Amino acid sequence: MSIYELRVYRCLPGRLPALAKRFETKTLKIWEKHGIRQAGFFTTLVGESNQELTYLLQWDSLAERETKWGAFQADPEWIKERAETEKDGQIVANIASSFLMPTSFSSVK
């Protein structure tokens, strides 16, 4: 059974398009190199803020997450791309992260 990491990025006003573009054109390619598996990306249609990007990552274990996420964070390509996409200013105001485990009756395992 997998575990899922729920990550919610709250953007600074007007910066959600820049964050979405960075994921679509840069981040996902680097994740692929490190074996990071996404299970879905979402924007908020109705809710507290329409400046949020929410996504799920699928992991086999917390140990796998620590290894792969650490390698991604230290990747020189990611560090360069992140800096390049933030040359016009910070994009993300804050990030919330939770680790979820499917129940025995979940359609997601």
PDB file of N, CA and C in Angstrom:
ATOM      1  N   MET A   1       0.841  -1.178   0.000  1.00  0.00           N
ATOM      2  CA  MET A   1       0.000   0.000   0.000  1.00  0.00           C
ATOM      3  C   MET A   1       0.891   1.246   0.000  1.00  0.00           C
ATOM      4  N   SER A   2       0.553   2.195  -0.826  1.00  0.00           N
ATOM      5  CA  SER A   2       1.301   3.444  -0.932  1.00  0.00           C
ATOM      6  C   SER A   2       0.873   4.427   0.150  1.00  0.00           C
ATOM      7  N   ILE A   3       1.718   5.420   0.361  1.00  0.00           N
ATOM      8  CA  ILE A   3       1.313   6.585   1.132  1.00  0.00           C
ATOM      9  C   ILE A   3       1.302   7.760   0.166  1.00  0.00           C
ATOM     10  N   TYR A   4       0.521   8.760   0.501  1.00  0.00           N
ATOM     11  CA  TYR A   4       0.372   9.925  -0.369  1.00  0.00           C
ATOM     12  C   TYR A   4       0.758  11.179   0.399  1.00  0.00           C
ATOM     13  N   GLU A   5       1.487  12.035  -0.270  1.00  0.00           N
ATOM     14  CA  GLU A   5       1.833  13.318   0.302  1.00  0.00           C
ATOM     15  C   GLU A   5       0.943  14.372  -0.351  1.00  0.00           C
ATOM     16  N   LEU A   6       0.187  15.059   0.476  1.00  0.00           N
ATOM     17  CA  LEU A   6      -0.676  16.141   0.028  1.00  0.00           C
ATOM     18  C   LEU A   6       0.065  17.445   0.262  1.00  0.00           C
ATOM     19  N   ARG A   7       0.291  18.193  -0.806  1.00  0.00           N
ATOM     20  CA  ARG A   7       1.021  19.459  -0.703  1.00  0.00           C
ATOM     21  C   ARG A   7       0.131  20.577  -1.250  1.00  0.00           C
ATOM     22  N   VAL A   8       0.013  21.641  -0.477  1.00  0.00           N
ATOM     23  CA  VAL A   8      -0.796  22.796  -0.873  1.00  0.00           C
ATOM     24  C   VAL A   8       0.118  24.016  -0.891  1.00  0.00           C
ATOM     25  N   TYR A   9       0.251  24.613  -2.066  1.00  0.00           N
ATOM     26  CA  TYR A   9       1.068  25.810  -2.245  1.00  0.00           C
ATOM     27  C   TYR A   9       0.134  27.006  -2.338  1.00  0.00           C
ATOM     28  N   ARG A  10       0.270  27.944  -1.412  1.00  0.00           N
ATOM     29  CA  ARG A  10      -0.481  29.200  -1.489  1.00  0.00           C
ATOM     30  C   ARG A  10       0.441  30.235  -2.112  1.00  0.00           C
ATOM     31  N   CYS A  11       0.017  30.743  -3.252  1.00  0.00           N
ATOM     32  CA  CYS A  11       0.844  31.688  -4.009  1.00  0.00           C
ATOM     33  C   CYS A  11       0.618  33.120  -3.549  1.00  0.00           C
ATOM     34  N   LEU A  12       1.614  33.939  -3.818  1.00  0.00           N
ATOM     35  CA  LEU A  12       1.439  35.377  -3.660  1.00  0.00           C
ATOM     36  C   LEU A  12       0.446  35.832  -4.723  1.00  0.00           C
ATOM     37  N   PRO A  13      -0.277  36.925  -4.479  1.00  0.00           N
ATOM     38  CA  PRO A  13      -1.307  37.378  -5.434  1.00  0.00           C
ATOM     39  C   PRO A  13      -0.770  37.472  -6.869  1.00  0.00           C
ATOM     40  N   GLY A  14      -1.512  36.833  -7.779  1.00  0.00           N
ATOM     41  CA  GLY A  14      -1.180  36.885  -9.197  1.00  0.00           C
ATOM     42  C   GLY A  14      -0.059  35.961  -9.647  1.00  0.00           C
ATOM     43  N   ARG A  15       0.502  35.158  -8.756  1.00  0.00           N
ATOM     44  CA  ARG A  15       1.669  34.326  -9.107  1.00  0.00           C
ATOM     45  C   ARG A  15       1.317  32.862  -9.391  1.00  0.00           C
ATOM     46  N   LEU A  16       0.053  32.477  -9.256  1.00  0.00           N
ATOM     47  CA  LEU A  16      -0.332  31.091  -9.540  1.00  0.00           C
ATOM     48  C   LEU A  16       0.015  30.663 -10.965  1.00  0.00           C
ATOM     49  N   PRO A  17      -0.221  31.482 -11.995  1.00  0.00           N
ATOM     50  CA  PRO A  17       0.170  31.060 -13.353  1.00  0.00           C
ATOM     51  C   PRO A  17       1.666  30.746 -13.465  1.00  0.00           C
ATOM     52  N   ALA A  18       2.517  31.509 -12.794  1.00  0.00           N
ATOM     53  CA  ALA A  18       3.960  31.252 -12.845  1.00  0.00           C
ATOM     54  C   ALA A  18       4.300  29.923 -12.178  1.00  0.00           C
ATOM     55  N   LEU A  19       3.621  29.611 -11.071  1.00  0.00           N
ATOM     56  CA  LEU A  19       3.868  28.335 -10.394  1.00  0.00           C
ATOM     57  C   LEU A  19       3.414  27.170 -11.264  1.00  0.00           C
ATOM     58  N   ALA A  20       2.228  27.278 -11.843  1.00  0.00           N
ATOM     59  CA  ALA A  20       1.715  26.207 -12.705  1.00  0.00           C
ATOM     60  C   ALA A  20       2.647  25.974 -13.895  1.00  0.00           C
ATOM     61  N   LYS A  21       3.117  27.056 -14.482  1.00  0.00           N
ATOM     62  CA  LYS A  21       4.034  26.933 -15.624  1.00  0.00           C
ATOM     63  C   LYS A  21       5.333  26.252 -15.203  1.00  0.00           C
ATOM     64  N   ARG A  22       5.853  26.611 -14.024  1.00  0.00           N
ATOM     65  CA  ARG A  22       7.094  25.990 -13.554  1.00  0.00           C
ATOM     66  C   ARG A  22       6.922  24.482 -13.374  1.00  0.00           C
ATOM     67  N   PHE A  23       5.804  24.064 -12.768  1.00  0.00           N
ATOM     68  CA  PHE A  23       5.571  22.623 -12.625  1.00  0.00           C
ATOM     69  C   PHE A  23       5.472  21.958 -13.993  1.00  0.00           C
ATOM     70  N   GLU A  24       4.671  22.530 -14.869  1.00  0.00           N
ATOM     71  CA  GLU A  24       4.412  21.899 -16.171  1.00  0.00           C
ATOM     72  C   GLU A  24       5.662  21.815 -17.036  1.00  0.00           C
ATOM     73  N   THR A  25       6.485  22.850 -17.034  1.00  0.00           N
ATOM     74  CA  THR A  25       7.599  22.897 -17.977  1.00  0.00           C
ATOM     75  C   THR A  25       8.955  22.546 -17.377  1.00  0.00           C
ATOM     76  N   LYS A  26       9.100  22.599 -16.069  1.00  0.00           N
ATOM     77  CA  LYS A  26      10.412  22.374 -15.445  1.00  0.00           C
ATOM     78  C   LYS A  26      10.391  21.255 -14.402  1.00  0.00           C
ATOM     79  N   THR A  27       9.577  21.457 -13.356  1.00  0.00           N
ATOM     80  CA  THR A  27       9.626  20.576 -12.183  1.00  0.00           C
ATOM     81  C   THR A  27       9.318  19.121 -12.516  1.00  0.00           C
ATOM     82  N   LEU A  28       8.270  18.874 -13.292  1.00  0.00           N
ATOM     83  CA  LEU A  28       7.876  17.490 -13.580  1.00  0.00           C
ATOM     84  C   LEU A  28       8.977  16.706 -14.281  1.00  0.00           C
ATOM     85  N   LYS A  29       9.731  17.364 -15.148  1.00  0.00           N
ATOM     86  CA  LYS A  29      10.840  16.692 -15.842  1.00  0.00           C
ATOM     87  C   LYS A  29      11.943  16.304 -14.850  1.00  0.00           C
ATOM     88  N   ILE A  30      12.197  17.179 -13.894  1.00  0.00           N
ATOM     89  CA  ILE A  30      13.224  16.878 -12.888  1.00  0.00           C
ATOM     90  C   ILE A  30      12.727  15.780 -11.957  1.00  0.00           C
ATOM     91  N   TRP A  31      11.454  15.820 -11.593  1.00  0.00           N
ATOM     92  CA  TRP A  31      10.882  14.739 -10.775  1.00  0.00           C
ATOM     93  C   TRP A  31      11.028  13.396 -11.479  1.00  0.00           C
ATOM     94  N   GLU A  32      10.757  13.372 -12.763  1.00  0.00           N
ATOM     95  CA  GLU A  32      10.856  12.126 -13.535  1.00  0.00           C
ATOM     96  C   GLU A  32      12.262  11.541 -13.414  1.00  0.00           C
ATOM     97  N   LYS A  33      13.258  12.391 -13.494  1.00  0.00           N
ATOM     98  CA  LYS A  33      14.655  11.965 -13.369  1.00  0.00           C
ATOM     99  C   LYS A  33      14.915  11.308 -12.013  1.00  0.00           C
ATOM    100  N   HIS A  34      14.216  11.780 -10.969  1.00  0.00           N
ATOM    101  CA  HIS A  34      14.420  11.262  -9.613  1.00  0.00           C
ATOM    102  C   HIS A  34      13.404  10.184  -9.215  1.00  0.00           C
ATOM    103  N   GLY A  35      12.498   9.823 -10.120  1.00  0.00           N
ATOM    104  CA  GLY A  35      11.517   8.789  -9.825  1.00  0.00           C
ATOM    105  C   GLY A  35      10.397   9.242  -8.899  1.00  0.00           C
ATOM    106  N   ILE A  36      10.113  10.539  -8.875  1.00  0.00           N
ATOM    107  CA  ILE A  36       9.017  11.068  -8.051  1.00  0.00           C
ATOM    108  C   ILE A  36       7.727  10.959  -8.855  1.00  0.00           C
ATOM    109  N   ARG A  37       6.718  10.305  -8.248  1.00  0.00           N
ATOM    110  CA  ARG A  37       5.452  10.020  -8.938  1.00  0.00           C
ATOM    111  C   ARG A  37       4.338  10.939  -8.423  1.00  0.00           C
ATOM    112  N   GLN A  38       3.780  11.722  -9.337  1.00  0.00           N
ATOM    113  CA  GLN A  38       2.635  12.543  -8.943  1.00  0.00           C
ATOM    114  C   GLN A  38       1.343  11.758  -9.166  1.00  0.00           C
ATOM    115  N   ALA A  39       0.355  12.039  -8.279  1.00  0.00           N
ATOM    116  CA  ALA A  39      -0.941  11.367  -8.367  1.00  0.00           C
ATOM    117  C   ALA A  39      -2.055  12.357  -8.681  1.00  0.00           C
ATOM    118  N   GLY A  40      -1.699  13.583  -9.043  1.00  0.00           N
ATOM    119  CA  GLY A  40      -2.702  14.566  -9.447  1.00  0.00           C
ATOM    120  C   GLY A  40      -2.359  15.965  -8.999  1.00  0.00           C
ATOM    121  N   PHE A  41      -2.724  16.935  -9.828  1.00  0.00           N
ATOM    122  CA  PHE A  41      -2.570  18.360  -9.531  1.00  0.00           C
ATOM    123  C   PHE A  41      -3.938  19.019  -9.634  1.00  0.00           C
ATOM    124  N   PHE A  42      -4.177  20.012  -8.777  1.00  0.00           N
ATOM    125  CA  PHE A  42      -5.485  20.663  -8.721  1.00  0.00           C
ATOM    126  C   PHE A  42      -5.323  22.141  -8.399  1.00  0.00           C
ATOM    127  N   THR A  43      -6.207  22.961  -8.962  1.00  0.00           N
ATOM    128  CA  THR A  43      -6.356  24.335  -8.517  1.00  0.00           C
ATOM    129  C   THR A  43      -7.689  24.421  -7.792  1.00  0.00           C
ATOM    130  N   THR A  44      -7.860  25.446  -6.984  1.00  0.00           N
ATOM    131  CA  THR A  44      -9.072  25.592  -6.177  1.00  0.00           C
ATOM    132  C   THR A  44     -10.131  26.341  -6.979  1.00  0.00           C
ATOM    133  N   LEU A  45     -11.239  25.666  -7.244  1.00  0.00           N
ATOM    134  CA  LEU A  45     -12.366  26.268  -7.953  1.00  0.00           C
ATOM    135  C   LEU A  45     -13.218  27.075  -6.970  1.00  0.00           C
ATOM    136  N   VAL A  46     -13.561  26.452  -5.842  1.00  0.00           N
ATOM    137  CA  VAL A  46     -14.326  27.105  -4.786  1.00  0.00           C
ATOM    138  C   VAL A  46     -13.644  26.746  -3.476  1.00  0.00           C
ATOM    139  N   GLY A  47     -13.366  27.727  -2.656  1.00  0.00           N
ATOM    140  CA  GLY A  47     -12.702  27.464  -1.385  1.00  0.00           C
ATOM    141  C   GLY A  47     -12.137  28.731  -0.793  1.00  0.00           C
ATOM    142  N   GLU A  48     -11.289  28.561   0.191  1.00  0.00           N
ATOM    143  CA  GLU A  48     -10.736  29.699   0.913  1.00  0.00           C
ATOM    144  C   GLU A  48      -9.912  30.622   0.024  1.00  0.00           C
ATOM    145  N   SER A  49      -9.151  30.043  -0.908  1.00  0.00           N
ATOM    146  CA  SER A  49      -8.286  30.855  -1.767  1.00  0.00           C
ATOM    147  C   SER A  49      -8.216  30.259  -3.168  1.00  0.00           C
ATOM    148  N   ASN A  50      -8.318  31.117  -4.177  1.00  0.00           N
ATOM    149  CA  ASN A  50      -8.137  30.649  -5.559  1.00  0.00           C
ATOM    150  C   ASN A  50      -6.698  30.862  -6.007  1.00  0.00           C
ATOM    151  N   GLN A  51      -5.799  31.096  -5.062  1.00  0.00           N
ATOM    152  CA  GLN A  51      -4.371  31.264  -5.343  1.00  0.00           C
ATOM    153  C   GLN A  51      -3.585  30.044  -4.875  1.00  0.00           C
ATOM    154  N   GLU A  52      -4.249  28.883  -4.853  1.00  0.00           N
ATOM    155  CA  GLU A  52      -3.611  27.654  -4.374  1.00  0.00           C
ATOM    156  C   GLU A  52      -3.429  26.635  -5.490  1.00  0.00           C
ATOM    157  N   LEU A  53      -2.318  25.925  -5.397  1.00  0.00           N
ATOM    158  CA  LEU A  53      -2.081  24.745  -6.233  1.00  0.00           C
ATOM    159  C   LEU A  53      -1.912  23.584  -5.258  1.00  0.00           C
ATOM    160  N   THR A  54      -2.712  22.551  -5.436  1.00  0.00           N
ATOM    161  CA  THR A  54      -2.692  21.383  -4.564  1.00  0.00           C
ATOM    162  C   THR A  54      -2.299  20.184  -5.397  1.00  0.00           C
ATOM    163  N   TYR A  55      -1.429  19.333  -4.832  1.00  0.00           N
ATOM    164  CA  TYR A  55      -1.086  18.113  -5.560  1.00  0.00           C
ATOM    165  C   TYR A  55      -0.786  16.973  -4.603  1.00  0.00           C
ATOM    166  N   LEU A  56      -0.819  15.775  -5.159  1.00  0.00           N
ATOM    167  CA  LEU A  56      -0.527  14.549  -4.423  1.00  0.00           C
ATOM    168  C   LEU A  56       0.680  13.867  -5.036  1.00  0.00           C
ATOM    169  N   LEU A  57       1.557  13.399  -4.170  1.00  0.00           N
ATOM    170  CA  LEU A  57       2.679  12.562  -4.585  1.00  0.00           C
ATOM    171  C   LEU A  57       2.475  11.175  -3.997  1.00  0.00           C
ATOM    172  N   GLN A  58       2.840  10.154  -4.739  1.00  0.00           N
ATOM    173  CA  GLN A  58       2.686   8.763  -4.297  1.00  0.00           C
ATOM    174  C   GLN A  58       4.053   8.201  -3.928  1.00  0.00           C
ATOM    175  N   TRP A  59       4.136   7.642  -2.735  1.00  0.00           N
ATOM    176  CA  TRP A  59       5.388   7.055  -2.235  1.00  0.00           C
ATOM    177  C   TRP A  59       5.137   5.639  -1.751  1.00  0.00           C
ATOM    178  N   ASP A  60       6.166   4.795  -1.846  1.00  0.00           N
ATOM    179  CA  ASP A  60       6.087   3.442  -1.287  1.00  0.00           C
ATOM    180  C   ASP A  60       6.316   3.469   0.219  1.00  0.00           C
ATOM    181  N   SER A  61       7.068   4.457   0.696  1.00  0.00           N
ATOM    182  CA  SER A  61       7.390   4.568   2.125  1.00  0.00           C
ATOM    183  C   SER A  61       7.908   5.975   2.413  1.00  0.00           C
ATOM    184  N   LEU A  62       7.966   6.327   3.691  1.00  0.00           N
ATOM    185  CA  LEU A  62       8.554   7.611   4.071  1.00  0.00           C
ATOM    186  C   LEU A  62      10.047   7.630   3.761  1.00  0.00           C
ATOM    187  N   ALA A  63      10.688   6.475   3.860  1.00  0.00           N
ATOM    188  CA  ALA A  63      12.117   6.390   3.539  1.00  0.00           C
ATOM    189  C   ALA A  63      12.357   6.712   2.064  1.00  0.00           C
ATOM    190  N   GLU A  64      11.503   6.184   1.175  1.00  0.00           N
ATOM    191  CA  GLU A  64      11.623   6.507  -0.247  1.00  0.00           C
ATOM    192  C   GLU A  64      11.454   8.005  -0.453  1.00  0.00           C
ATOM    193  N   ARG A  65      10.495   8.594   0.235  1.00  0.00           N
ATOM    194  CA  ARG A  65      10.248  10.030   0.101  1.00  0.00           C
ATOM    195  C   ARG A  65      11.481  10.821   0.520  1.00  0.00           C
ATOM    196  N   GLU A  66      12.065  10.479   1.647  1.00  0.00           N
ATOM    197  CA  GLU A  66      13.224  11.214   2.138  1.00  0.00           C
ATOM    198  C   GLU A  66      14.388  11.147   1.151  1.00  0.00           C
ATOM    199  N   THR A  67      14.635   9.967   0.612  1.00  0.00           N
ATOM    200  CA  THR A  67      15.735   9.783  -0.333  1.00  0.00           C
ATOM    201  C   THR A  67      15.500  10.570  -1.623  1.00  0.00           C
ATOM    202  N   LYS A  68      14.349  10.370  -2.244  1.00  0.00           N
ATOM    203  CA  LYS A  68      14.080  10.985  -3.541  1.00  0.00           C
ATOM    204  C   LYS A  68      13.842  12.488  -3.435  1.00  0.00           C
ATOM    205  N   TRP A  69      13.131  12.930  -2.392  1.00  0.00           N
ATOM    206  CA  TRP A  69      12.863  14.357  -2.240  1.00  0.00           C
ATOM    207  C   TRP A  69      14.161  15.095  -1.928  1.00  0.00           C
ATOM    208  N   GLY A  70      14.998  14.495  -1.103  1.00  0.00           N
ATOM    209  CA  GLY A  70      16.293  15.098  -0.789  1.00  0.00           C
ATOM    210  C   GLY A  70      17.161  15.248  -2.025  1.00  0.00           C
ATOM    211  N   ALA A  71      17.172  14.225  -2.869  1.00  0.00           N
ATOM    212  CA  ALA A  71      17.952  14.286  -4.110  1.00  0.00           C
ATOM    213  C   ALA A  71      17.400  15.367  -5.038  1.00  0.00           C
ATOM    214  N   PHE A  72      16.094  15.475  -5.122  1.00  0.00           N
ATOM    215  CA  PHE A  72      15.467  16.504  -5.951  1.00  0.00           C
ATOM    216  C   PHE A  72      15.831  17.901  -5.442  1.00  0.00           C
ATOM    217  N   GLN A  73      15.691  18.130  -4.136  1.00  0.00           N
ATOM    218  CA  GLN A  73      15.971  19.446  -3.562  1.00  0.00           C
ATOM    219  C   GLN A  73      17.424  19.876  -3.781  1.00  0.00           C
ATOM    220  N   ALA A  74      18.334  18.912  -3.818  1.00  0.00           N
ATOM    221  CA  ALA A  74      19.764  19.206  -3.989  1.00  0.00           C
ATOM    222  C   ALA A  74      20.199  19.224  -5.456  1.00  0.00           C
ATOM    223  N   ASP A  75      19.312  18.868  -6.366  1.00  0.00           N
ATOM    224  CA  ASP A  75      19.652  18.782  -7.785  1.00  0.00           C
ATOM    225  C   ASP A  75      20.014  20.171  -8.324  1.00  0.00           C
ATOM    226  N   PRO A  76      21.211  20.328  -8.886  1.00  0.00           N
ATOM    227  CA  PRO A  76      21.628  21.635  -9.420  1.00  0.00           C
ATOM    228  C   PRO A  76      20.678  22.174 -10.490  1.00  0.00           C
ATOM    229  N   GLU A  77      20.091  21.287 -11.282  1.00  0.00           N
ATOM    230  CA  GLU A  77      19.147  21.728 -12.314  1.00  0.00           C
ATOM    231  C   GLU A  77      17.922  22.371 -11.664  1.00  0.00           C
ATOM    232  N   TRP A  78      17.393  21.751 -10.580  1.00  0.00           N
ATOM    233  CA  TRP A  78      16.238  22.301  -9.872  1.00  0.00           C
ATOM    234  C   TRP A  78      16.592  23.658  -9.244  1.00  0.00           C
ATOM    235  N   ILE A  79      17.744  23.741  -8.609  1.00  0.00           N
ATOM    236  CA  ILE A  79      18.166  24.985  -7.958  1.00  0.00           C
ATOM    237  C   ILE A  79      18.252  26.111  -8.994  1.00  0.00           C
ATOM    238  N   LYS A  80      18.813  25.804 -10.156  1.00  0.00           N
ATOM    239  CA  LYS A  80      18.935  26.790 -11.241  1.00  0.00           C
ATOM    240  C   LYS A  80      17.562  27.191 -11.768  1.00  0.00           C
ATOM    241  N   GLU A  81      16.707  26.210 -12.056  1.00  0.00           N
ATOM    242  CA  GLU A  81      15.384  26.496 -12.624  1.00  0.00           C
ATOM    243  C   GLU A  81      14.518  27.280 -11.631  1.00  0.00           C
ATOM    244  N   ARG A  82      14.580  26.909 -10.363  1.00  0.00           N
ATOM    245  CA  ARG A  82      13.793  27.618  -9.356  1.00  0.00           C
ATOM    246  C   ARG A  82      14.222  29.087  -9.297  1.00  0.00           C
ATOM    247  N   ALA A  83      15.521  29.321  -9.251  1.00  0.00           N
ATOM    248  CA  ALA A  83      16.027  30.696  -9.211  1.00  0.00           C
ATOM    249  C   ALA A  83      15.602  31.466 -10.463  1.00  0.00           C
ATOM    250  N   GLU A  84      15.693  30.825 -11.611  1.00  0.00           N
ATOM    251  CA  GLU A  84      15.333  31.470 -12.875  1.00  0.00           C
ATOM    252  C   GLU A  84      13.849  31.862 -12.880  1.00  0.00           C
ATOM    253  N   THR A  85      12.970  30.981 -12.393  1.00  0.00           N
ATOM    254  CA  THR A  85      11.533  31.271 -12.418  1.00  0.00           C
ATOM    255  C   THR A  85      11.134  32.279 -11.343  1.00  0.00           C
ATOM    256  N   GLU A  86      12.027  32.554 -10.399  1.00  0.00           N
ATOM    257  CA  GLU A  86      11.722  33.528  -9.350  1.00  0.00           C
ATOM    258  C   GLU A  86      12.478  34.843  -9.548  1.00  0.00           C
ATOM    259  N   LYS A  87      13.057  35.036 -10.724  1.00  0.00           N
ATOM    260  CA  LYS A  87      13.808  36.276 -10.979  1.00  0.00           C
ATOM    261  C   LYS A  87      12.897  37.505 -10.944  1.00  0.00           C
ATOM    262  N   ASP A  88      11.600  37.307 -11.220  1.00  0.00           N
ATOM    263  CA  ASP A  88      10.627  38.402 -11.161  1.00  0.00           C
ATOM    264  C   ASP A  88       9.977  38.515  -9.787  1.00  0.00           C
ATOM    265  N   GLY A  89      10.449  37.726  -8.835  1.00  0.00           N
ATOM    266  CA  GLY A  89       9.914  37.771  -7.477  1.00  0.00           C
ATOM    267  C   GLY A  89       9.463  36.410  -6.994  1.00  0.00           C
ATOM    268  N   GLN A  90       9.312  36.330  -5.696  1.00  0.00           N
ATOM    269  CA  GLN A  90       8.864  35.094  -5.041  1.00  0.00           C
ATOM    270  C   GLN A  90       7.502  34.685  -5.590  1.00  0.00           C
ATOM    271  N   ILE A  91       7.280  33.380  -5.696  1.00  0.00           N
ATOM    272  CA  ILE A  91       6.019  32.850  -6.222  1.00  0.00           C
ATOM    273  C   ILE A  91       5.131  32.339  -5.090  1.00  0.00           C
ATOM    274  N   VAL A  92       5.699  31.550  -4.195  1.00  0.00           N
ATOM    275  CA  VAL A  92       4.929  30.848  -3.173  1.00  0.00           C
ATOM    276  C   VAL A  92       5.039  31.568  -1.831  1.00  0.00           C
ATOM    277  N   ALA A  93       3.879  31.822  -1.201  1.00  0.00           N
ATOM    278  CA  ALA A  93       3.860  32.450   0.119  1.00  0.00           C
ATOM    279  C   ALA A  93       4.116  31.406   1.203  1.00  0.00           C
ATOM    280  N   ASN A  94       3.455  30.238   1.082  1.00  0.00           N
ATOM    281  CA  ASN A  94       3.693  29.150   2.041  1.00  0.00           C
ATOM    282  C   ASN A  94       3.255  27.817   1.464  1.00  0.00           C
ATOM    283  N   ILE A  95       3.763  26.749   2.085  1.00  0.00           N
ATOM    284  CA  ILE A  95       3.478  25.383   1.654  1.00  0.00           C
ATOM    285  C   ILE A  95       3.026  24.593   2.871  1.00  0.00           C
ATOM    286  N   ALA A  96       1.935  23.847   2.716  1.00  0.00           N
ATOM    287  CA  ALA A  96       1.474  22.918   3.750  1.00  0.00           C
ATOM    288  C   ALA A  96       1.620  21.514   3.191  1.00  0.00           C
ATOM    289  N   SER A  97       2.120  20.602   4.016  1.00  0.00           N
ATOM    290  CA  SER A  97       2.340  19.223   3.573  1.00  0.00           C
ATOM    291  C   SER A  97       1.791  18.259   4.620  1.00  0.00           C
ATOM    292  N   SER A  98       1.076  17.241   4.147  1.00  0.00           N
ATOM    293  CA  SER A  98       0.549  16.176   5.010  1.00  0.00           C
ATOM    294  C   SER A  98       0.821  14.843   4.334  1.00  0.00           C
ATOM    295  N   PHE A  99       0.987  13.803   5.144  1.00  0.00           N
ATOM    296  CA  PHE A  99       1.157  12.454   4.619  1.00  0.00           C
ATOM    297  C   PHE A  99      -0.100  11.658   4.937  1.00  0.00           C
ATOM    298  N   LEU A 100      -0.670  11.053   3.900  1.00  0.00           N
ATOM    299  CA  LEU A 100      -1.948  10.359   4.011  1.00  0.00           C
ATOM    300  C   LEU A 100      -1.777   8.879   3.717  1.00  0.00           C
ATOM    301  N   MET A 101      -2.531   8.075   4.437  1.00  0.00           N
ATOM    302  CA  MET A 101      -2.517   6.631   4.234  1.00  0.00           C
ATOM    303  C   MET A 101      -3.936   6.188   3.875  1.00  0.00           C
ATOM    304  N   PRO A 102      -4.118   5.503   2.753  1.00  0.00           N
ATOM    305  CA  PRO A 102      -5.466   5.071   2.369  1.00  0.00           C
ATOM    306  C   PRO A 102      -6.069   4.125   3.412  1.00  0.00           C
ATOM    307  N   THR A 103      -7.363   4.271   3.604  1.00  0.00           N
ATOM    308  CA  THR A 103      -8.094   3.357   4.490  1.00  0.00           C
ATOM    309  C   THR A 103      -8.320   2.029   3.760  1.00  0.00           C
ATOM    310  N   SER A 104      -8.772   1.025   4.487  1.00  0.00           N
ATOM    311  CA  SER A 104      -9.037  -0.280   3.883  1.00  0.00           C
ATOM    312  C   SER A 104     -10.180  -0.195   2.864  1.00  0.00           C
ATOM    313  N   PHE A 105     -11.020   0.809   2.964  1.00  0.00           N
ATOM    314  CA  PHE A 105     -12.184   0.939   2.070  1.00  0.00           C
ATOM    315  C   PHE A 105     -11.996   2.024   1.009  1.00  0.00           C
ATOM    316  N   SER A 106     -10.767   2.543   0.877  1.00  0.00           N
ATOM    317  CA  SER A 106     -10.473   3.587  -0.105  1.00  0.00           C
ATOM    318  C   SER A 106     -10.382   2.999  -1.512  1.00  0.00           C
ATOM    319  N   SER A 107     -10.866   3.763  -2.506  1.00  0.00           N
ATOM    320  CA  SER A 107     -10.701   3.332  -3.897  1.00  0.00           C
ATOM    321  C   SER A 107      -9.246   3.519  -4.344  1.00  0.00           C
ATOM    322  N   VAL A 108      -8.514   4.378  -3.639  1.00  0.00           N
ATOM    323  CA  VAL A 108      -7.090   4.595  -3.901  1.00  0.00           C
ATOM    324  C   VAL A 108      -6.313   3.734  -2.902  1.00  0.00           C
ATOM    325  N   LYS A 109      -5.375   2.952  -3.372  1.00  0.00           N
ATOM    326  CA  LYS A 109      -4.606   2.069  -2.470  1.00  0.00           C
ATOM    327  C   LYS A 109      -3.178   2.484  -2.401  1.00  0.00           C
TER     328      LYS A 109
END
